[in-house]
Amino acid sequence: MIIRRYDNNDLISIVDIFFNSIHAVDSYYSIEQLNAWGNLDKKAELITKWEYSLQNTYTLVAILDDGVVGFSNIDNDGYIDLMYVSPDYQNKRIATTLLKYLEDYAHRMGLKELTVNASAVAKNMFIKQGFRIVAKQSVVKNNVEMYNYKMYKSL
């Protein structure tokens, strides 16, 4: 597996991973919640939004079998905004590897902690990597309520 910095040529692959991974987690969320979170009708809007935000955060992609299979990013305050792995490549330590690279970056930046608002799906991976839950949060997306977990890890 290769971990490298994001470039604009990765954008479509990343957006596809986002939508595919969301819609593969139906055991945690209702169909209504999945559609609110990953609304395919808003794909073009998401591409435009992420084109800017991914360039302006420390964003990494995981490459395996000659393609992007996962991605994550962190801002200068230690907030991990995105962490997604293709459903076809789950349980291959891709997310934990990406997280290790983000932690190394945070150490180099002199950050004291990492924070994340983790989905029910991602929560256990973050716990296994030393994160603690601060609170379960209610989140409304496209007028649909769902939840996530505010988490942190001291460095």
N, C-alpha and C. Protein backbone atom coordinates (compact mmCIF):
# COMPACT_ATOMS: atom_id res chain seq x y z
N MET A 1 0.84 -1.17 0.00
CA MET A 1 0.00 0.00 0.00
C MET A 1 0.89 1.24 0.00
N ILE A 2 0.49 2.21 -0.78
CA ILE A 2 1.20 3.49 -0.85
C ILE A 2 0.29 4.56 -0.24
N ILE A 3 0.85 5.37 0.65
CA ILE A 3 0.15 6.52 1.19
C ILE A 3 0.85 7.74 0.64
N ARG A 4 0.09 8.64 0.02
CA ARG A 4 0.68 9.84 -0.55
C ARG A 4 -0.27 11.01 -0.39
N ARG A 5 0.25 12.20 -0.63
CA ARG A 5 -0.57 13.41 -0.57
C ARG A 5 -1.59 13.40 -1.70
N TYR A 6 -2.72 13.95 -1.42
CA TYR A 6 -3.81 14.12 -2.38
C TYR A 6 -3.39 15.08 -3.48
N ASP A 7 -3.85 14.81 -4.71
CA ASP A 7 -3.78 15.83 -5.76
C ASP A 7 -5.14 15.84 -6.47
N ASN A 8 -5.39 16.89 -7.22
CA ASN A 8 -6.71 17.09 -7.83
C ASN A 8 -7.17 15.94 -8.71
N ASN A 9 -6.24 15.17 -9.26
CA ASN A 9 -6.62 14.02 -10.09
C ASN A 9 -7.31 12.92 -9.28
N ASP A 10 -7.22 12.99 -7.94
CA ASP A 10 -7.83 11.99 -7.06
C ASP A 10 -9.28 12.32 -6.72
N LEU A 11 -9.74 13.51 -7.05
CA LEU A 11 -11.02 14.00 -6.55
C LEU A 11 -12.20 13.09 -6.89
N ILE A 12 -12.36 12.69 -8.12
CA ILE A 12 -13.50 11.86 -8.52
C ILE A 12 -13.45 10.51 -7.80
N SER A 13 -12.27 9.91 -7.70
CA SER A 13 -12.13 8.64 -6.98
C SER A 13 -12.53 8.78 -5.52
N ILE A 14 -12.12 9.88 -4.91
CA ILE A 14 -12.43 10.12 -3.50
C ILE A 14 -13.93 10.29 -3.30
N VAL A 15 -14.56 11.07 -4.14
CA VAL A 15 -16.01 11.27 -4.01
C VAL A 15 -16.74 9.95 -4.22
N ASP A 16 -16.30 9.14 -5.16
CA ASP A 16 -16.91 7.82 -5.36
C ASP A 16 -16.75 6.94 -4.13
N ILE A 17 -15.58 6.95 -3.51
CA ILE A 17 -15.35 6.17 -2.29
C ILE A 17 -16.29 6.64 -1.19
N PHE A 18 -16.44 7.95 -1.05
CA PHE A 18 -17.35 8.52 -0.05
C PHE A 18 -18.76 7.96 -0.22
N PHE A 19 -19.32 8.09 -1.41
CA PHE A 19 -20.69 7.63 -1.64
C PHE A 19 -20.80 6.11 -1.50
N ASN A 20 -19.85 5.37 -2.05
CA ASN A 20 -19.91 3.91 -1.96
C ASN A 20 -19.79 3.42 -0.52
N SER A 21 -18.92 4.03 0.25
CA SER A 21 -18.74 3.57 1.63
C SER A 21 -19.95 3.92 2.49
N ILE A 22 -20.53 5.08 2.28
CA ILE A 22 -21.73 5.44 3.04
C ILE A 22 -22.86 4.45 2.77
N HIS A 23 -23.09 4.15 1.53
CA HIS A 23 -24.22 3.30 1.19
C HIS A 23 -23.95 1.81 1.45
N ALA A 24 -22.75 1.49 1.91
CA ALA A 24 -22.43 0.11 2.26
C ALA A 24 -22.63 -0.15 3.76
N VAL A 25 -23.01 0.87 4.53
CA VAL A 25 -23.10 0.74 5.99
C VAL A 25 -24.55 0.73 6.48
N ASP A 26 -25.42 0.12 5.72
CA ASP A 26 -26.84 0.19 6.03
C ASP A 26 -27.23 -0.49 7.33
N SER A 27 -26.36 -1.26 7.94
CA SER A 27 -26.72 -1.89 9.21
C SER A 27 -26.67 -0.90 10.37
N TYR A 28 -26.05 0.23 10.20
CA TYR A 28 -25.96 1.24 11.25
C TYR A 28 -26.98 2.37 11.09
N TYR A 29 -27.39 2.65 9.87
CA TYR A 29 -28.26 3.79 9.59
C TYR A 29 -29.42 3.37 8.71
N SER A 30 -30.53 4.09 8.81
CA SER A 30 -31.68 3.82 7.96
C SER A 30 -31.38 4.29 6.54
N ILE A 31 -32.17 3.83 5.59
CA ILE A 31 -32.04 4.27 4.20
C ILE A 31 -32.21 5.78 4.11
N GLU A 32 -33.14 6.32 4.86
CA GLU A 32 -33.36 7.78 4.87
C GLU A 32 -32.11 8.52 5.36
N GLN A 33 -31.48 8.00 6.42
CA GLN A 33 -30.27 8.63 6.93
C GLN A 33 -29.11 8.52 5.93
N LEU A 34 -28.97 7.35 5.31
CA LEU A 34 -27.90 7.17 4.32
C LEU A 34 -28.06 8.12 3.15
N ASN A 35 -29.28 8.29 2.69
CA ASN A 35 -29.53 9.20 1.57
C ASN A 35 -29.31 10.66 1.96
N ALA A 36 -29.60 11.01 3.20
CA ALA A 36 -29.35 12.38 3.67
C ALA A 36 -27.85 12.64 3.78
N TRP A 37 -27.11 11.66 4.24
CA TRP A 37 -25.67 11.78 4.44
C TRP A 37 -24.93 11.78 3.11
N GLY A 38 -25.30 10.86 2.25
CA GLY A 38 -24.64 10.73 0.96
C GLY A 38 -25.64 10.84 -0.16
N ASN A 39 -26.18 12.04 -0.34
CA ASN A 39 -27.21 12.28 -1.34
C ASN A 39 -26.57 12.35 -2.73
N LEU A 40 -26.81 11.34 -3.54
CA LEU A 40 -26.21 11.29 -4.88
C LEU A 40 -26.64 12.45 -5.76
N ASP A 41 -27.80 13.05 -5.49
CA ASP A 41 -28.24 14.21 -6.26
C ASP A 41 -27.35 15.42 -6.01
N LYS A 42 -26.58 15.39 -4.94
CA LYS A 42 -25.71 16.52 -4.59
C LYS A 42 -24.23 16.22 -4.86
N LYS A 43 -23.98 15.24 -5.70
CA LYS A 43 -22.61 14.83 -5.98
C LYS A 43 -21.80 15.96 -6.60
N ALA A 44 -22.34 16.67 -7.57
CA ALA A 44 -21.62 17.78 -8.22
C ALA A 44 -21.30 18.88 -7.22
N GLU A 45 -22.25 19.15 -6.32
CA GLU A 45 -22.04 20.16 -5.28
C GLU A 45 -20.91 19.74 -4.34
N LEU A 46 -20.88 18.45 -3.99
CA LEU A 46 -19.82 17.94 -3.13
C LEU A 46 -18.46 18.01 -3.80
N ILE A 47 -18.39 17.70 -5.07
CA ILE A 47 -17.13 17.79 -5.82
C ILE A 47 -16.59 19.21 -5.76
N THR A 48 -17.45 20.19 -5.98
CA THR A 48 -17.03 21.59 -5.94
C THR A 48 -16.53 21.97 -4.55
N LYS A 49 -17.26 21.57 -3.52
CA LYS A 49 -16.89 21.88 -2.14
C LYS A 49 -15.56 21.23 -1.78
N TRP A 50 -15.42 19.94 -2.07
CA TRP A 50 -14.21 19.23 -1.69
C TRP A 50 -13.00 19.64 -2.51
N GLU A 51 -13.20 20.09 -3.72
CA GLU A 51 -12.06 20.53 -4.53
C GLU A 51 -11.26 21.58 -3.78
N TYR A 52 -11.94 22.47 -3.11
CA TYR A 52 -11.27 23.51 -2.32
C TYR A 52 -10.77 22.96 -0.99
N SER A 53 -11.64 22.29 -0.24
CA SER A 53 -11.27 21.89 1.13
C SER A 53 -10.15 20.84 1.16
N LEU A 54 -10.12 19.93 0.21
CA LEU A 54 -9.07 18.91 0.20
C LEU A 54 -7.71 19.51 -0.14
N GLN A 55 -7.70 20.58 -0.91
CA GLN A 55 -6.43 21.26 -1.23
C GLN A 55 -5.92 22.07 -0.04
N ASN A 56 -6.83 22.45 0.86
CA ASN A 56 -6.47 23.34 1.95
C ASN A 56 -6.39 22.65 3.31
N THR A 57 -6.31 21.34 3.29
CA THR A 57 -6.04 20.57 4.49
C THR A 57 -4.94 19.56 4.13
N TYR A 58 -4.38 18.95 5.14
CA TYR A 58 -3.40 17.89 4.90
C TYR A 58 -4.20 16.63 4.57
N THR A 59 -4.28 16.31 3.29
CA THR A 59 -5.12 15.22 2.80
C THR A 59 -4.24 14.13 2.21
N LEU A 60 -4.53 12.90 2.62
CA LEU A 60 -3.77 11.74 2.16
C LEU A 60 -4.69 10.76 1.45
N VAL A 61 -4.14 10.04 0.52
CA VAL A 61 -4.86 8.96 -0.15
C VAL A 61 -4.06 7.67 0.01
N ALA A 62 -4.79 6.56 0.07
CA ALA A 62 -4.18 5.23 0.11
C ALA A 62 -4.35 4.60 -1.26
N ILE A 63 -3.25 4.11 -1.81
CA ILE A 63 -3.25 3.50 -3.13
C ILE A 63 -2.95 2.01 -2.98
N LEU A 64 -3.80 1.20 -3.61
CA LEU A 64 -3.62 -0.24 -3.62
C LEU A 64 -4.19 -0.75 -4.93
N ASP A 65 -3.54 -1.71 -5.51
CA ASP A 65 -3.99 -2.26 -6.79
C ASP A 65 -4.16 -1.16 -7.85
N ASP A 66 -3.24 -0.22 -7.86
CA ASP A 66 -3.19 0.88 -8.84
C ASP A 66 -4.37 1.85 -8.77
N GLY A 67 -5.03 1.92 -7.63
CA GLY A 67 -6.14 2.87 -7.51
C GLY A 67 -6.28 3.41 -6.10
N VAL A 68 -7.00 4.50 -5.96
CA VAL A 68 -7.28 5.10 -4.65
C VAL A 68 -8.30 4.20 -3.96
N VAL A 69 -7.99 3.77 -2.74
CA VAL A 69 -8.89 2.90 -1.99
C VAL A 69 -9.32 3.51 -0.66
N GLY A 70 -8.72 4.64 -0.30
CA GLY A 70 -9.08 5.31 0.94
C GLY A 70 -8.49 6.70 0.98
N PHE A 71 -9.03 7.52 1.87
CA PHE A 71 -8.51 8.87 2.02
C PHE A 71 -8.88 9.42 3.39
N SER A 72 -8.12 10.42 3.81
CA SER A 72 -8.39 11.10 5.07
C SER A 72 -7.73 12.46 5.04
N ASN A 73 -8.22 13.34 5.91
CA ASN A 73 -7.59 14.66 6.01
C ASN A 73 -7.63 15.17 7.44
N ILE A 74 -6.79 16.16 7.70
CA ILE A 74 -6.69 16.79 9.01
C ILE A 74 -6.42 18.27 8.79
N ASP A 75 -7.00 19.11 9.65
CA ASP A 75 -6.72 20.54 9.53
C ASP A 75 -5.61 20.93 10.49
N ASN A 76 -5.25 22.19 10.50
CA ASN A 76 -4.12 22.65 11.31
C ASN A 76 -4.40 22.66 12.81
N ASP A 77 -5.65 22.42 13.20
CA ASP A 77 -6.01 22.35 14.62
C ASP A 77 -6.10 20.90 15.11
N GLY A 78 -5.86 19.93 14.23
CA GLY A 78 -5.90 18.54 14.62
C GLY A 78 -7.26 17.88 14.45
N TYR A 79 -8.15 18.53 13.72
CA TYR A 79 -9.48 17.96 13.48
C TYR A 79 -9.44 17.08 12.23
N ILE A 80 -9.79 15.82 12.40
CA ILE A 80 -9.88 14.88 11.27
C ILE A 80 -11.29 15.00 10.72
N ASP A 81 -11.39 15.54 9.53
CA ASP A 81 -12.71 15.79 8.95
C ASP A 81 -13.24 14.58 8.18
N LEU A 82 -12.40 13.95 7.40
CA LEU A 82 -12.83 12.85 6.53
C LEU A 82 -11.93 11.64 6.73
N MET A 83 -12.55 10.46 6.76
CA MET A 83 -11.81 9.19 6.83
C MET A 83 -12.72 8.14 6.21
N TYR A 84 -12.42 7.77 4.97
CA TYR A 84 -13.25 6.80 4.25
C TYR A 84 -12.37 5.80 3.52
N VAL A 85 -12.85 4.56 3.51
CA VAL A 85 -12.18 3.48 2.80
C VAL A 85 -13.22 2.78 1.94
N SER A 86 -12.83 2.45 0.73
CA SER A 86 -13.72 1.74 -0.19
C SER A 86 -14.27 0.48 0.48
N PRO A 87 -15.56 0.20 0.30
CA PRO A 87 -16.13 -1.03 0.88
C PRO A 87 -15.42 -2.30 0.41
N ASP A 88 -14.81 -2.28 -0.76
CA ASP A 88 -14.09 -3.44 -1.28
C ASP A 88 -12.75 -3.67 -0.58
N TYR A 89 -12.31 -2.70 0.23
CA TYR A 89 -11.00 -2.79 0.87
C TYR A 89 -11.09 -2.62 2.39
N GLN A 90 -12.24 -2.92 2.96
CA GLN A 90 -12.40 -2.83 4.41
C GLN A 90 -11.57 -3.91 5.10
N ASN A 91 -11.22 -3.64 6.34
CA ASN A 91 -10.49 -4.59 7.21
C ASN A 91 -9.13 -4.98 6.65
N LYS A 92 -8.46 -4.01 6.01
CA LYS A 92 -7.10 -4.24 5.51
C LYS A 92 -6.13 -3.22 6.11
N ARG A 93 -6.54 -2.62 7.24
CA ARG A 93 -5.72 -1.65 8.00
C ARG A 93 -5.46 -0.36 7.22
N ILE A 94 -6.28 -0.05 6.25
CA ILE A 94 -6.10 1.17 5.47
C ILE A 94 -6.41 2.39 6.32
N ALA A 95 -7.53 2.37 7.03
CA ALA A 95 -7.88 3.52 7.88
C ALA A 95 -6.86 3.71 8.99
N THR A 96 -6.42 2.64 9.62
CA THR A 96 -5.44 2.79 10.69
C THR A 96 -4.10 3.28 10.16
N THR A 97 -3.75 2.88 8.96
CA THR A 97 -2.50 3.37 8.36
C THR A 97 -2.61 4.86 8.05
N LEU A 98 -3.73 5.25 7.46
CA LEU A 98 -3.95 6.68 7.19
C LEU A 98 -3.89 7.47 8.50
N LEU A 99 -4.53 6.94 9.54
CA LEU A 99 -4.53 7.63 10.83
C LEU A 99 -3.13 7.78 11.39
N LYS A 100 -2.29 6.75 11.24
CA LYS A 100 -0.91 6.86 11.72
C LYS A 100 -0.18 7.99 11.00
N TYR A 101 -0.37 8.11 9.71
CA TYR A 101 0.26 9.20 8.96
C TYR A 101 -0.26 10.56 9.43
N LEU A 102 -1.55 10.65 9.73
CA LEU A 102 -2.10 11.91 10.23
C LEU A 102 -1.52 12.24 11.61
N GLU A 103 -1.37 11.22 12.45
CA GLU A 103 -0.77 11.45 13.77
C GLU A 103 0.68 11.92 13.64
N ASP A 104 1.43 11.32 12.73
CA ASP A 104 2.81 11.76 12.50
C ASP A 104 2.83 13.23 12.08
N TYR A 105 1.93 13.60 11.20
CA TYR A 105 1.83 14.99 10.76
C TYR A 105 1.50 15.89 11.96
N ALA A 106 0.54 15.48 12.77
CA ALA A 106 0.15 16.28 13.94
C ALA A 106 1.32 16.48 14.89
N HIS A 107 2.12 15.43 15.10
CA HIS A 107 3.31 15.56 15.94
C HIS A 107 4.28 16.58 15.35
N ARG A 108 4.51 16.51 14.05
CA ARG A 108 5.41 17.47 13.40
C ARG A 108 4.88 18.90 13.53
N MET A 109 3.57 19.05 13.55
CA MET A 109 2.94 20.38 13.67
C MET A 109 2.91 20.86 15.12
N GLY A 110 3.30 20.01 16.06
CA GLY A 110 3.29 20.37 17.47
C GLY A 110 1.91 20.36 18.11
N LEU A 111 0.98 19.62 17.53
CA LEU A 111 -0.37 19.56 18.07
C LEU A 111 -0.40 18.67 19.32
N LYS A 112 -1.30 18.99 20.24
CA LYS A 112 -1.41 18.26 21.49
C LYS A 112 -2.52 17.21 21.49
N GLU A 113 -3.48 17.35 20.55
CA GLU A 113 -4.55 16.36 20.48
C GLU A 113 -5.16 16.32 19.09
N LEU A 114 -5.83 15.20 18.83
CA LEU A 114 -6.61 15.03 17.61
C LEU A 114 -8.08 14.94 18.00
N THR A 115 -8.95 15.47 17.15
CA THR A 115 -10.38 15.36 17.37
C THR A 115 -11.05 14.87 16.09
N VAL A 116 -12.21 14.25 16.28
CA VAL A 116 -12.97 13.74 15.15
C VAL A 116 -14.43 13.62 15.57
N ASN A 117 -15.33 13.79 14.63
CA ASN A 117 -16.74 13.47 14.82
C ASN A 117 -16.97 12.19 14.04
N ALA A 118 -16.88 11.06 14.73
CA ALA A 118 -16.87 9.75 14.08
C ALA A 118 -18.28 9.19 13.94
N SER A 119 -18.51 8.57 12.80
CA SER A 119 -19.77 7.87 12.58
C SER A 119 -19.82 6.63 13.47
N ALA A 120 -21.01 6.04 13.56
CA ALA A 120 -21.14 4.78 14.31
C ALA A 120 -20.24 3.71 13.72
N VAL A 121 -20.05 3.75 12.42
CA VAL A 121 -19.20 2.77 11.74
C VAL A 121 -17.73 2.96 12.11
N ALA A 122 -17.27 4.19 12.14
CA ALA A 122 -15.85 4.48 12.38
C ALA A 122 -15.47 4.52 13.85
N LYS A 123 -16.44 4.67 14.73
CA LYS A 123 -16.18 4.83 16.16
C LYS A 123 -15.24 3.77 16.72
N ASN A 124 -15.49 2.50 16.44
CA ASN A 124 -14.67 1.43 17.02
C ASN A 124 -13.23 1.46 16.53
N MET A 125 -13.02 1.81 15.27
CA MET A 125 -11.66 1.94 14.76
C MET A 125 -10.91 3.01 15.53
N PHE A 126 -11.56 4.16 15.75
CA PHE A 126 -10.89 5.23 16.49
C PHE A 126 -10.63 4.83 17.94
N ILE A 127 -11.57 4.13 18.58
CA ILE A 127 -11.35 3.67 19.95
C ILE A 127 -10.14 2.75 20.01
N LYS A 128 -10.02 1.82 19.07
CA LYS A 128 -8.89 0.89 19.05
C LYS A 128 -7.56 1.63 18.86
N GLN A 129 -7.61 2.84 18.31
CA GLN A 129 -6.40 3.63 18.08
C GLN A 129 -6.16 4.66 19.18
N GLY A 130 -6.88 4.52 20.31
CA GLY A 130 -6.62 5.35 21.48
C GLY A 130 -7.51 6.58 21.63
N PHE A 131 -8.51 6.73 20.79
CA PHE A 131 -9.43 7.86 20.93
C PHE A 131 -10.45 7.55 22.03
N ARG A 132 -10.96 8.63 22.64
CA ARG A 132 -12.00 8.50 23.66
C ARG A 132 -13.23 9.28 23.23
N ILE A 133 -14.37 8.76 23.61
CA ILE A 133 -15.62 9.44 23.29
C ILE A 133 -15.87 10.56 24.29
N VAL A 134 -16.15 11.75 23.76
CA VAL A 134 -16.54 12.89 24.58
C VAL A 134 -18.05 12.93 24.71
N ALA A 135 -18.75 12.73 23.58
CA ALA A 135 -20.21 12.80 23.60
C ALA A 135 -20.78 12.15 22.35
N LYS A 136 -21.98 11.60 22.49
CA LYS A 136 -22.77 11.19 21.33
C LYS A 136 -23.55 12.42 20.90
N GLN A 137 -23.49 12.75 19.61
CA GLN A 137 -24.07 13.99 19.12
C GLN A 137 -25.19 13.70 18.12
N SER A 138 -26.22 14.51 18.20
CA SER A 138 -27.28 14.47 17.19
C SER A 138 -26.89 15.44 16.08
N VAL A 139 -26.99 14.98 14.84
CA VAL A 139 -26.62 15.79 13.67
C VAL A 139 -27.79 15.75 12.70
N VAL A 140 -28.13 16.91 12.14
CA VAL A 140 -29.20 16.97 11.15
C VAL A 140 -28.57 17.27 9.79
N LYS A 141 -28.79 16.38 8.84
CA LYS A 141 -28.32 16.58 7.47
C LYS A 141 -29.52 16.46 6.55
N ASN A 142 -29.71 17.47 5.72
CA ASN A 142 -30.84 17.46 4.78
C ASN A 142 -32.16 17.12 5.47
N ASN A 143 -32.36 17.74 6.64
CA ASN A 143 -33.58 17.59 7.44
C ASN A 143 -33.79 16.20 8.01
N VAL A 144 -32.74 15.40 8.10
CA VAL A 144 -32.83 14.06 8.68
C VAL A 144 -31.86 13.99 9.86
N GLU A 145 -32.36 13.53 10.99
CA GLU A 145 -31.51 13.42 12.17
C GLU A 145 -30.74 12.10 12.16
N MET A 146 -29.47 12.18 12.51
CA MET A 146 -28.63 11.01 12.70
C MET A 146 -27.68 11.33 13.84
N TYR A 147 -26.73 10.49 14.11
CA TYR A 147 -25.82 10.75 15.22
C TYR A 147 -24.39 10.41 14.84
N ASN A 148 -23.48 11.00 15.61
CA ASN A 148 -22.07 10.65 15.52
C ASN A 148 -21.46 10.80 16.90
N TYR A 149 -20.16 10.60 16.98
CA TYR A 149 -19.48 10.63 18.27
C TYR A 149 -18.33 11.62 18.23
N LYS A 150 -18.39 12.60 19.12
CA LYS A 150 -17.28 13.54 19.27
C LYS A 150 -16.20 12.80 20.06
N MET A 151 -15.00 12.72 19.47
CA MET A 151 -13.93 11.95 20.07
C MET A 151 -12.62 12.75 20.06
N TYR A 152 -11.71 12.36 20.93
CA TYR A 152 -10.39 13.00 20.95
C TYR A 152 -9.31 12.00 21.34
N LYS A 153 -8.10 12.36 21.01
CA LYS A 153 -6.94 11.58 21.43
C LYS A 153 -5.82 12.56 21.79
N SER A 154 -5.28 12.43 22.99
CA SER A 154 -4.14 13.24 23.39
C SER A 154 -2.89 12.69 22.73
N LEU A 155 -2.04 13.59 22.30
CA LEU A 155 -0.78 13.17 21.66
C LEU A 155 0.38 13.33 22.63
